[in-house]
Amino acid sequence: MFLARLRAWLDANASRIRDDDIPEKVAERLQRVVETLLTFGDAQMRSDIRNLAVRMLDGAQDAFFAAVWLPTLMHLDPVAGTDHLEKRLDGVEPEPIGCGVTWIAQLFGERHHETLVNPRASGFTPALLLRLVRLAYRHVRRCDDFEHEGVYTPGPRDHAEYGRNALMNALFDAKGPEAWAAKLELANDPEHAGFRDRLLTVAREKAAEQIDGMTLSEAEVATLDRYRETAPATRDEMFMLLRDRLDDLEDMLLGDTSPRAAWTRVSDEREMRQVIAHELKTAANGMYTIDQEAVTADEKETDIRLRTTAHGLEAVIELKLGEKKRSGRELRETLRNQLVTKYMGAENCRVGCLLITVAKNRSWHHPDTCVSLDAAGLQAMLDEEASRIMASMPGQLRLTVRVLDLRPRLSTEKCQS
């Protein structure tokens, strides 16, 4: 029953201070009202307060009010809060007890054995934590750290050091490929060269802990016992599974019962998609299901999609017949413009492969050098482009290319004679 009255008070007093008011008390009262509204209000209330915080911080705000609105914004929208913090500290020279120290202390310093803003909350992605860690280490320099002896009362500098360490620990404890990429980027930062080895060691330890901590359900243990493998639970495991199945396809084409001769007569991509999807389905071992021409959120049809049975991960295969009149440039552009942009946008579908079948002798021209490429040269050129795409999006996706050579490997004995 009080929310409406508190909201009306907030709208009237968000940046108001009277001549006889004590600024610290005004900020404290404002903070309590905001906390009450956030605790008991609905999603619309949170959105309104988030927008109000942005407006207050964008205006010519008194430092007392900024100390209320920046933590509020950082809590509701970590990205916008980090943007505002970077803007406030842009051009500020680091000092032992300066503006940067004050803000890191107010946002992430110790408050009753926890931080005011929790850097382990879901909105703090590894990339965002990396930005905050760099900001904290730039303004809360290790060379300025206090060394206390005996009993002491923590001050702003101590709280800032605590916040700096809390941000670093949150980044180290983050999981997944994006977190690994952020840790490596931090380790390779020249500003952290003094403890690069420690950064790499801790990053490896955390990655090992993450792997060791994985547990299997009873059904997954039964699957492991039966098939000697389990359904992938991470993006990297999904990528490994996809590559393993593609390796199996290539091995099958070398066997005595190879369907190579039959596949060379396939001239329609739809038919080739069906025969490859059939082989992948046969080799599923309960790890995944197969979709053909599944439709994405943008109504784009993929060729073959592998869906894990346990963890909702997906891998997409885009199939092209090498006999079609497609240039090397067109195939290279297919990697980014079609496979990555159109089919791998969803967070659970960041694993993909461009699969090209070659049944007849032909060549392609390198898009940059115009050098003639055979099947092996095409594979090398596309591998280079896939690596370039993954490097431009570190840790976000896994991409591979396979040129499936269906041409006869050896001439017949009659031809040799």
Protein backbone atom coordinates (compact mmCIF):
# COMPACT_ATOMS: atom_id res chain seq x y z
CA MET A 1 0.00 0.00 0.00
CA PHE A 2 3.01 2.31 0.44
CA LEU A 3 4.62 1.69 -2.99
CA ALA A 4 2.53 4.29 -4.81
CA ARG A 5 3.32 6.97 -2.22
CA LEU A 6 7.03 6.07 -2.22
CA ARG A 7 7.10 6.21 -6.01
CA ALA A 8 5.45 9.64 -5.98
CA TRP A 9 7.99 10.84 -3.43
CA LEU A 10 10.83 9.51 -5.57
CA ASP A 11 9.59 11.30 -8.68
CA ALA A 12 9.50 14.58 -6.75
CA ASN A 13 12.77 14.19 -4.81
CA ALA A 14 15.10 12.13 -7.04
CA SER A 15 17.55 15.04 -7.28
CA ARG A 16 16.18 17.51 -4.78
CA ILE A 17 18.09 18.95 -1.85
CA ARG A 18 16.97 21.87 0.34
CA ASP A 19 19.22 24.56 1.75
CA ASP A 20 18.97 23.24 5.31
CA ASP A 21 19.37 19.54 4.37
CA ILE A 22 22.45 17.52 5.16
CA PRO A 23 23.52 15.99 1.80
CA GLU A 24 24.64 12.68 3.32
CA LYS A 25 21.25 12.23 5.03
CA VAL A 26 19.37 13.12 1.84
CA ALA A 27 21.34 10.52 -0.12
CA GLU A 28 20.76 7.94 2.62
CA ARG A 29 16.99 8.57 2.58
CA LEU A 30 16.92 8.36 -1.21
CA GLN A 31 18.86 5.09 -1.12
CA ARG A 32 16.36 3.53 1.30
CA VAL A 33 13.40 4.51 -0.85
CA VAL A 34 15.03 3.08 -3.99
CA GLU A 35 15.91 -0.16 -2.21
CA THR A 36 12.34 -0.55 -0.94
CA LEU A 37 10.86 0.02 -4.39
CA LEU A 38 13.28 -2.45 -5.97
CA THR A 39 12.62 -5.07 -3.29
CA PHE A 40 8.82 -4.95 -3.41
CA GLY A 41 8.10 -3.46 -6.83
CA ASP A 42 7.40 -5.34 -10.06
CA ALA A 43 9.38 -5.57 -13.31
CA GLN A 44 7.92 -2.29 -14.56
CA MET A 45 9.06 -0.55 -11.38
CA ARG A 46 12.59 -1.86 -11.89
CA SER A 47 12.58 -0.68 -15.49
CA ASP A 48 11.35 2.80 -14.50
CA ILE A 49 14.02 3.14 -11.81
CA ARG A 50 16.68 1.97 -14.26
CA ASN A 51 15.65 4.68 -16.74
CA LEU A 52 15.50 7.25 -13.94
CA ALA A 53 19.03 6.33 -12.86
CA VAL A 54 20.30 6.85 -16.43
CA ARG A 55 18.67 10.30 -16.59
CA MET A 56 20.05 11.31 -13.21
CA LEU A 57 23.58 10.22 -14.13
CA ASP A 58 23.46 11.89 -17.53
CA GLY A 59 22.53 15.22 -15.92
CA ALA A 60 24.73 17.53 -13.89
CA GLN A 61 24.47 15.48 -10.74
CA ASP A 62 25.77 16.16 -7.27
CA ALA A 63 28.28 13.52 -6.15
CA PHE A 64 26.00 12.48 -3.28
CA PHE A 65 23.20 11.57 -5.68
CA ALA A 66 25.57 9.87 -8.10
CA ALA A 67 26.64 7.62 -5.23
CA VAL A 68 23.01 6.42 -5.10
CA TRP A 69 22.20 6.18 -8.79
CA LEU A 70 25.38 4.58 -10.14
CA PRO A 71 25.22 1.53 -7.82
CA THR A 72 21.50 1.30 -8.61
CA LEU A 73 22.15 1.33 -12.35
CA MET A 74 25.05 -1.11 -11.99
CA HIS A 75 22.70 -3.49 -10.15
CA LEU A 76 19.84 -3.20 -12.67
CA ASP A 77 21.85 -2.91 -15.89
CA PRO A 78 25.53 -3.87 -15.47
CA VAL A 79 26.43 -2.88 -19.04
CA ALA A 80 24.96 0.63 -18.75
CA GLY A 81 26.46 0.99 -15.28
CA THR A 82 29.91 0.03 -16.54
CA ASP A 83 29.56 2.49 -19.44
CA HIS A 84 28.79 5.31 -16.99
CA LEU A 85 31.65 4.32 -14.69
CA GLU A 86 34.12 4.33 -17.58
CA LYS A 87 32.79 7.70 -18.69
CA ARG A 88 33.24 9.19 -15.21
CA LEU A 89 36.80 7.90 -14.92
CA ASP A 90 37.83 8.80 -18.45
CA GLY A 91 40.84 11.08 -18.24
CA VAL A 92 41.09 10.78 -14.44
CA GLU A 93 44.65 10.26 -13.27
CA PRO A 94 45.13 7.38 -10.79
CA GLU A 95 45.89 8.41 -7.20
CA PRO A 96 46.38 6.39 -4.00
CA ILE A 97 43.06 7.79 -2.76
CA GLY A 98 41.44 9.39 -5.77
CA CYS A 99 38.19 9.41 -7.69
CA GLY A 100 38.73 5.93 -9.14
CA VAL A 101 39.49 4.47 -5.72
CA THR A 102 36.33 6.06 -4.31
CA TRP A 103 34.09 4.61 -7.01
CA ILE A 104 35.53 1.09 -6.88
CA ALA A 105 35.13 1.18 -3.10
CA GLN A 106 31.54 2.43 -3.27
CA LEU A 107 30.50 -0.10 -5.91
CA PHE A 108 32.43 -3.25 -5.06
CA GLY A 109 33.98 -2.61 -1.65
CA GLU A 110 33.22 -4.81 1.34
CA ARG A 111 29.87 -4.25 3.05
CA HIS A 112 29.28 -6.75 5.86
CA HIS A 113 31.46 -9.37 4.14
CA GLU A 114 29.92 -8.85 0.70
CA THR A 115 30.01 -6.26 -2.07
CA LEU A 116 27.34 -3.60 -2.57
CA VAL A 117 27.10 -4.62 -6.25
CA ASN A 118 27.50 -8.35 -6.79
CA PRO A 119 29.94 -8.94 -9.69
CA ARG A 120 28.90 -12.60 -9.79
CA ALA A 121 25.32 -11.74 -10.80
CA SER A 122 24.11 -13.09 -14.12
CA GLY A 123 24.36 -9.75 -15.94
CA PHE A 124 28.12 -9.55 -15.41
CA THR A 125 29.42 -11.46 -18.42
CA PRO A 126 33.11 -12.41 -18.67
CA ALA A 127 33.67 -9.62 -21.21
CA LEU A 128 32.08 -7.08 -18.85
CA LEU A 129 34.09 -8.35 -15.89
CA LEU A 130 37.24 -7.97 -17.98
CA ARG A 131 36.41 -4.28 -18.55
CA LEU A 132 35.80 -3.74 -14.83
CA VAL A 133 38.97 -5.59 -13.80
CA ARG A 134 41.07 -3.45 -16.12
CA LEU A 135 39.39 -0.30 -14.78
CA ALA A 136 39.93 -1.38 -11.17
CA TYR A 137 43.61 -2.22 -11.65
CA ARG A 138 44.18 1.04 -13.51
CA HIS A 139 42.83 3.19 -10.67
CA VAL A 140 43.47 0.97 -7.64
CA ARG A 141 47.11 0.31 -8.42
CA ARG A 142 48.88 -2.48 -6.58
CA CYS A 143 51.90 -0.27 -5.99
CA ASP A 144 49.70 2.04 -3.86
CA ASP A 145 48.22 -0.72 -1.69
CA PHE A 146 48.25 -0.17 2.06
CA GLU A 147 50.17 -2.55 4.30
CA HIS A 148 48.59 -2.64 7.75
CA GLU A 149 50.15 -3.95 10.93
CA GLY A 150 48.01 -4.97 13.86
CA VAL A 151 44.40 -3.91 14.33
CA TYR A 152 43.06 -1.25 11.98
CA THR A 153 39.78 0.24 10.75
CA PRO A 154 39.26 -0.26 6.99
CA GLY A 155 39.02 2.93 4.96
CA PRO A 156 38.08 3.76 1.35
CA ARG A 157 41.42 2.47 0.07
CA ASP A 158 40.95 -0.88 1.83
CA HIS A 159 37.42 -1.18 0.45
CA ALA A 160 38.70 -0.37 -3.05
CA GLU A 161 41.38 -3.08 -2.81
CA TYR A 162 38.70 -5.50 -1.67
CA GLY A 163 36.53 -4.52 -4.66
CA ARG A 164 39.42 -4.90 -7.09
CA ASN A 165 40.11 -8.40 -5.78
CA ALA A 166 36.40 -9.27 -5.83
CA LEU A 167 36.20 -8.37 -9.52
CA MET A 168 39.29 -10.42 -10.33
CA ASN A 169 37.97 -13.43 -8.42
CA ALA A 170 34.60 -13.16 -10.17
CA LEU A 171 36.36 -13.24 -13.54
CA PHE A 172 38.52 -16.20 -12.51
CA ASP A 173 35.47 -18.14 -11.30
CA ALA A 174 33.48 -17.43 -14.47
CA LYS A 175 32.93 -20.54 -16.60
CA GLY A 176 32.68 -21.32 -20.27
CA PRO A 177 34.62 -20.48 -23.43
CA GLU A 178 33.89 -16.74 -23.17
CA ALA A 179 35.41 -16.70 -19.69
CA TRP A 180 38.49 -18.59 -20.88
CA ALA A 181 38.97 -16.10 -23.73
CA ALA A 182 38.62 -13.17 -21.30
CA LYS A 183 41.21 -14.67 -18.95
CA LEU A 184 43.68 -15.20 -21.79
CA GLU A 185 43.14 -11.64 -23.02
CA LEU A 186 43.84 -10.31 -19.52
CA ALA A 187 46.96 -12.47 -19.20
CA ASN A 188 48.28 -11.08 -22.50
CA ASP A 189 47.60 -7.47 -21.49
CA PRO A 190 50.94 -5.61 -21.12
CA GLU A 191 49.56 -3.81 -18.05
CA HIS A 192 49.42 -7.17 -16.24
CA ALA A 193 52.76 -8.51 -17.43
CA GLY A 194 54.05 -8.54 -13.85
CA PHE A 195 51.81 -11.41 -12.84
CA ARG A 196 51.01 -12.98 -16.23
CA ASP A 197 52.23 -16.42 -15.17
CA ARG A 198 49.98 -16.37 -12.12
CA LEU A 199 46.99 -15.36 -14.26
CA LEU A 200 47.57 -18.24 -16.66
CA THR A 201 48.13 -20.72 -13.84
CA VAL A 202 44.93 -19.75 -12.03
CA ALA A 203 42.97 -19.77 -15.31
CA ARG A 204 44.13 -23.33 -16.03
CA GLU A 205 43.29 -24.42 -12.48
CA LYS A 206 39.77 -23.01 -12.77
CA ALA A 207 39.28 -24.71 -16.13
CA ALA A 208 40.44 -28.02 -14.65
CA GLU A 209 38.10 -27.58 -11.68
CA GLN A 210 35.22 -26.94 -14.05
CA ILE A 211 35.92 -30.14 -15.96
CA ASP A 212 36.47 -32.22 -12.82
CA GLY A 213 33.28 -30.87 -11.30
CA MET A 214 31.05 -32.18 -14.08
CA THR A 215 28.68 -34.89 -12.86
CA LEU A 216 26.72 -37.43 -14.85
CA SER A 217 23.16 -38.51 -14.28
CA GLU A 218 22.25 -42.18 -14.02
CA ALA A 219 21.04 -42.15 -17.63
CA GLU A 220 24.27 -40.50 -18.80
CA VAL A 221 26.34 -43.11 -16.97
CA ALA A 222 24.34 -45.85 -18.70
CA THR A 223 24.92 -44.13 -22.05
CA LEU A 224 28.64 -43.87 -21.33
CA ASP A 225 28.81 -47.57 -20.48
CA ARG A 226 26.95 -48.52 -23.65
CA TYR A 227 28.46 -46.19 -26.26
CA ARG A 228 31.75 -45.14 -24.56
CA GLU A 229 30.70 -41.48 -24.87
CA THR A 230 28.19 -39.06 -23.38
CA ALA A 231 26.08 -36.29 -24.87
CA PRO A 232 28.07 -33.03 -25.04
CA ALA A 233 27.37 -30.59 -22.23
CA THR A 234 29.46 -27.62 -23.44
CA ARG A 235 30.08 -25.82 -26.71
CA ASP A 236 33.58 -27.27 -26.99
CA GLU A 237 32.28 -30.80 -26.43
CA MET A 238 29.64 -30.24 -29.11
CA PHE A 239 32.36 -29.08 -31.49
CA MET A 240 34.45 -32.16 -30.73
CA LEU A 241 31.44 -34.41 -31.36
CA LEU A 242 30.74 -32.72 -34.71
CA ARG A 243 34.35 -33.12 -35.82
CA ASP A 244 34.40 -36.76 -34.69
CA ARG A 245 31.32 -37.53 -36.78
CA LEU A 246 32.83 -35.79 -39.81
CA ASP A 247 36.01 -37.84 -39.31
CA ASP A 248 33.83 -40.96 -39.26
CA LEU A 249 32.26 -39.91 -42.56
CA GLU A 250 35.68 -39.60 -44.18
CA ASP A 251 36.80 -42.96 -42.74
CA MET A 252 33.63 -44.62 -44.03
CA LEU A 253 34.37 -43.41 -47.56
CA LEU A 254 37.73 -45.21 -47.39
CA GLY A 255 36.23 -48.56 -46.37
CA ASP A 256 35.50 -51.60 -48.52
CA THR A 257 31.75 -50.95 -48.32
CA SER A 258 32.11 -47.24 -49.08
CA PRO A 259 29.15 -45.51 -50.78
CA ARG A 260 31.63 -43.25 -52.58
CA ALA A 261 30.62 -44.41 -56.08
CA ALA A 262 26.93 -43.86 -55.35
CA TRP A 263 27.54 -40.45 -53.79
CA THR A 264 29.49 -39.24 -56.83
CA ARG A 265 26.33 -39.65 -58.93
CA VAL A 266 24.33 -37.35 -56.66
CA SER A 267 23.88 -33.99 -58.34
CA ASP A 268 21.13 -32.53 -56.16
CA GLU A 269 21.96 -30.89 -52.81
CA ARG A 270 18.68 -32.02 -51.29
CA GLU A 271 19.47 -35.65 -52.07
CA MET A 272 23.06 -35.30 -50.83
CA ARG A 273 21.78 -33.74 -47.65
CA GLN A 274 19.50 -36.74 -47.11
CA VAL A 275 22.24 -39.35 -47.51
CA ILE A 276 24.67 -37.47 -45.24
CA ALA A 277 21.96 -36.86 -42.64
CA HIS A 278 21.15 -40.59 -42.74
CA GLU A 279 24.77 -41.51 -41.96
CA LEU A 280 24.94 -38.96 -39.13
CA LYS A 281 21.68 -40.28 -37.70
CA THR A 282 22.96 -43.87 -37.85
CA ALA A 283 26.06 -42.82 -35.88
CA ALA A 284 24.12 -40.77 -33.29
CA ASN A 285 24.45 -43.33 -30.44
CA GLY A 286 21.73 -41.45 -28.62
CA MET A 287 23.95 -38.34 -28.40
CA TYR A 288 21.84 -36.15 -30.70
CA THR A 289 18.90 -36.01 -33.07
CA ILE A 290 18.99 -34.87 -36.69
CA ASP A 291 16.91 -32.16 -38.36
CA GLN A 292 17.01 -31.41 -42.06
CA GLU A 293 16.27 -27.88 -43.23
CA ALA A 294 15.31 -26.69 -39.75
CA VAL A 295 14.00 -23.13 -39.80
CA THR A 296 15.74 -20.48 -37.67
CA ALA A 297 14.07 -17.55 -35.91
CA ASP A 298 14.66 -15.47 -39.07
CA GLU A 299 12.94 -18.09 -41.25
CA LYS A 300 16.26 -19.21 -42.71
CA GLU A 301 16.55 -22.91 -43.52
CA THR A 302 19.69 -24.72 -42.45
CA ASP A 303 20.80 -27.90 -44.20
CA ILE A 304 21.51 -30.29 -41.31
CA ARG A 305 21.18 -29.56 -37.60
CA LEU A 306 22.42 -31.80 -34.77
CA ARG A 307 20.56 -31.35 -31.47
CA THR A 308 21.89 -32.87 -28.26
CA THR A 309 19.44 -34.98 -26.32
CA ALA A 310 20.43 -33.76 -22.85
CA HIS A 311 21.68 -30.16 -22.84
CA GLY A 312 19.91 -28.36 -25.69
CA LEU A 313 23.07 -27.60 -27.67
CA GLU A 314 22.98 -27.53 -31.47
CA ALA A 315 25.46 -27.76 -34.32
CA VAL A 316 24.60 -26.74 -37.87
CA ILE A 317 26.05 -28.07 -41.13
CA GLU A 318 25.76 -26.04 -44.31
CA LEU A 319 26.17 -28.31 -47.37
CA LYS A 320 27.46 -27.23 -50.76
CA LEU A 321 28.14 -29.39 -53.82
CA GLY A 322 31.52 -28.61 -55.32
CA GLU A 323 30.25 -29.36 -58.81
CA LYS A 324 27.95 -26.35 -58.72
CA LYS A 325 29.31 -23.19 -60.30
CA ARG A 326 30.34 -21.58 -57.04
CA SER A 327 33.51 -19.51 -56.92
CA GLY A 328 36.07 -19.57 -54.16
CA ARG A 329 34.89 -16.11 -53.09
CA GLU A 330 31.26 -17.27 -52.86
CA LEU A 331 32.21 -20.27 -50.73
CA ARG A 332 34.37 -18.09 -48.47
CA GLU A 333 31.57 -15.56 -48.01
CA THR A 334 29.19 -18.40 -47.18
CA LEU A 335 31.10 -18.97 -43.94
CA ARG A 336 30.35 -15.55 -42.43
CA ASN A 337 27.32 -14.27 -44.32
CA GLN A 338 25.29 -17.45 -44.33
CA LEU A 339 26.57 -19.96 -41.79
CA VAL A 340 27.61 -17.62 -38.97
CA THR A 341 25.26 -14.67 -39.43
CA LYS A 342 22.07 -16.48 -40.41
CA TYR A 343 22.30 -19.88 -38.75
CA MET A 344 24.53 -19.50 -35.67
CA GLY A 345 22.93 -16.51 -33.99
CA ALA A 346 21.29 -18.37 -31.08
CA GLU A 347 23.41 -18.83 -27.96
CA ASN A 348 22.84 -22.60 -27.96
CA CYS A 349 23.81 -22.93 -31.64
CA ARG A 350 27.34 -21.55 -31.90
CA VAL A 351 28.92 -24.64 -33.50
CA GLY A 352 28.95 -24.94 -37.28
CA CYS A 353 30.54 -26.57 -40.30
CA LEU A 354 30.68 -25.73 -43.98
CA LEU A 355 30.68 -29.12 -45.73
CA ILE A 356 31.64 -29.20 -49.42
CA THR A 357 31.50 -32.38 -51.50
CA VAL A 358 33.77 -32.73 -54.53
CA ALA A 359 32.90 -35.53 -56.98
CA LYS A 360 34.70 -34.30 -60.12
CA ASN A 361 37.99 -32.64 -60.95
CA ARG A 362 37.68 -28.88 -60.90
CA SER A 363 39.48 -25.84 -59.56
CA TRP A 364 38.66 -22.56 -57.83
CA HIS A 365 40.39 -19.20 -57.76
CA HIS A 366 41.63 -17.69 -54.52
CA PRO A 367 39.47 -14.61 -53.82
CA ASP A 368 42.49 -12.41 -53.04
CA THR A 369 45.38 -13.73 -55.12
CA CYS A 370 43.45 -15.38 -58.00
CA VAL A 371 45.75 -18.40 -57.67
CA SER A 372 44.15 -21.61 -58.91
CA LEU A 373 43.13 -23.93 -56.04
CA ASP A 374 42.47 -27.65 -56.06
CA ALA A 375 40.36 -29.36 -53.37
CA ALA A 376 43.23 -29.25 -50.86
CA GLY A 377 43.90 -25.59 -51.62
CA LEU A 378 40.22 -24.77 -51.21
CA GLN A 379 40.26 -26.50 -47.81
CA ALA A 380 43.30 -24.48 -46.71
CA MET A 381 41.79 -21.18 -47.88
CA LEU A 382 38.50 -21.82 -46.09
CA ASP A 383 40.30 -23.03 -42.94
CA GLU A 384 42.13 -19.71 -42.84
CA GLU A 385 38.87 -17.79 -43.15
CA ALA A 386 37.23 -19.89 -40.40
CA SER A 387 40.17 -19.15 -38.10
CA ARG A 388 39.89 -15.45 -38.90
CA ILE A 389 36.18 -15.41 -38.04
CA MET A 390 36.73 -17.21 -34.73
CA ALA A 391 39.58 -14.83 -33.85
CA SER A 392 37.29 -11.84 -34.46
CA MET A 393 34.70 -13.35 -32.10
CA PRO A 394 36.94 -14.88 -29.38
CA GLY A 395 35.27 -17.68 -27.46
CA GLN A 396 31.84 -17.01 -28.98
CA LEU A 397 31.66 -19.76 -31.58
CA ARG A 398 33.33 -22.86 -33.01
CA LEU A 399 33.65 -23.17 -36.77
CA THR A 400 35.14 -25.80 -39.07
CA VAL A 401 35.30 -26.59 -42.78
CA ARG A 402 35.36 -30.00 -44.48
CA VAL A 403 35.96 -30.66 -48.17
CA LEU A 404 34.67 -34.21 -48.64
CA ASP A 405 36.53 -35.69 -51.60
CA LEU A 406 34.32 -38.24 -53.38
CA ARG A 407 36.57 -38.71 -56.41
CA PRO A 408 38.04 -42.19 -57.02
CA ARG A 409 41.22 -42.57 -55.00
CA LEU A 410 42.90 -45.17 -57.27
CA SER A 411 42.46 -46.14 -60.89
CA THR A 412 41.18 -49.62 -61.62
CA GLU A 413 43.57 -52.48 -62.41
CA LYS A 414 42.24 -52.58 -65.98
CA CYS A 415 43.14 -48.92 -66.48
CA GLN A 416 46.58 -49.48 -64.93
CA SER A 417 47.32 -52.33 -67.33
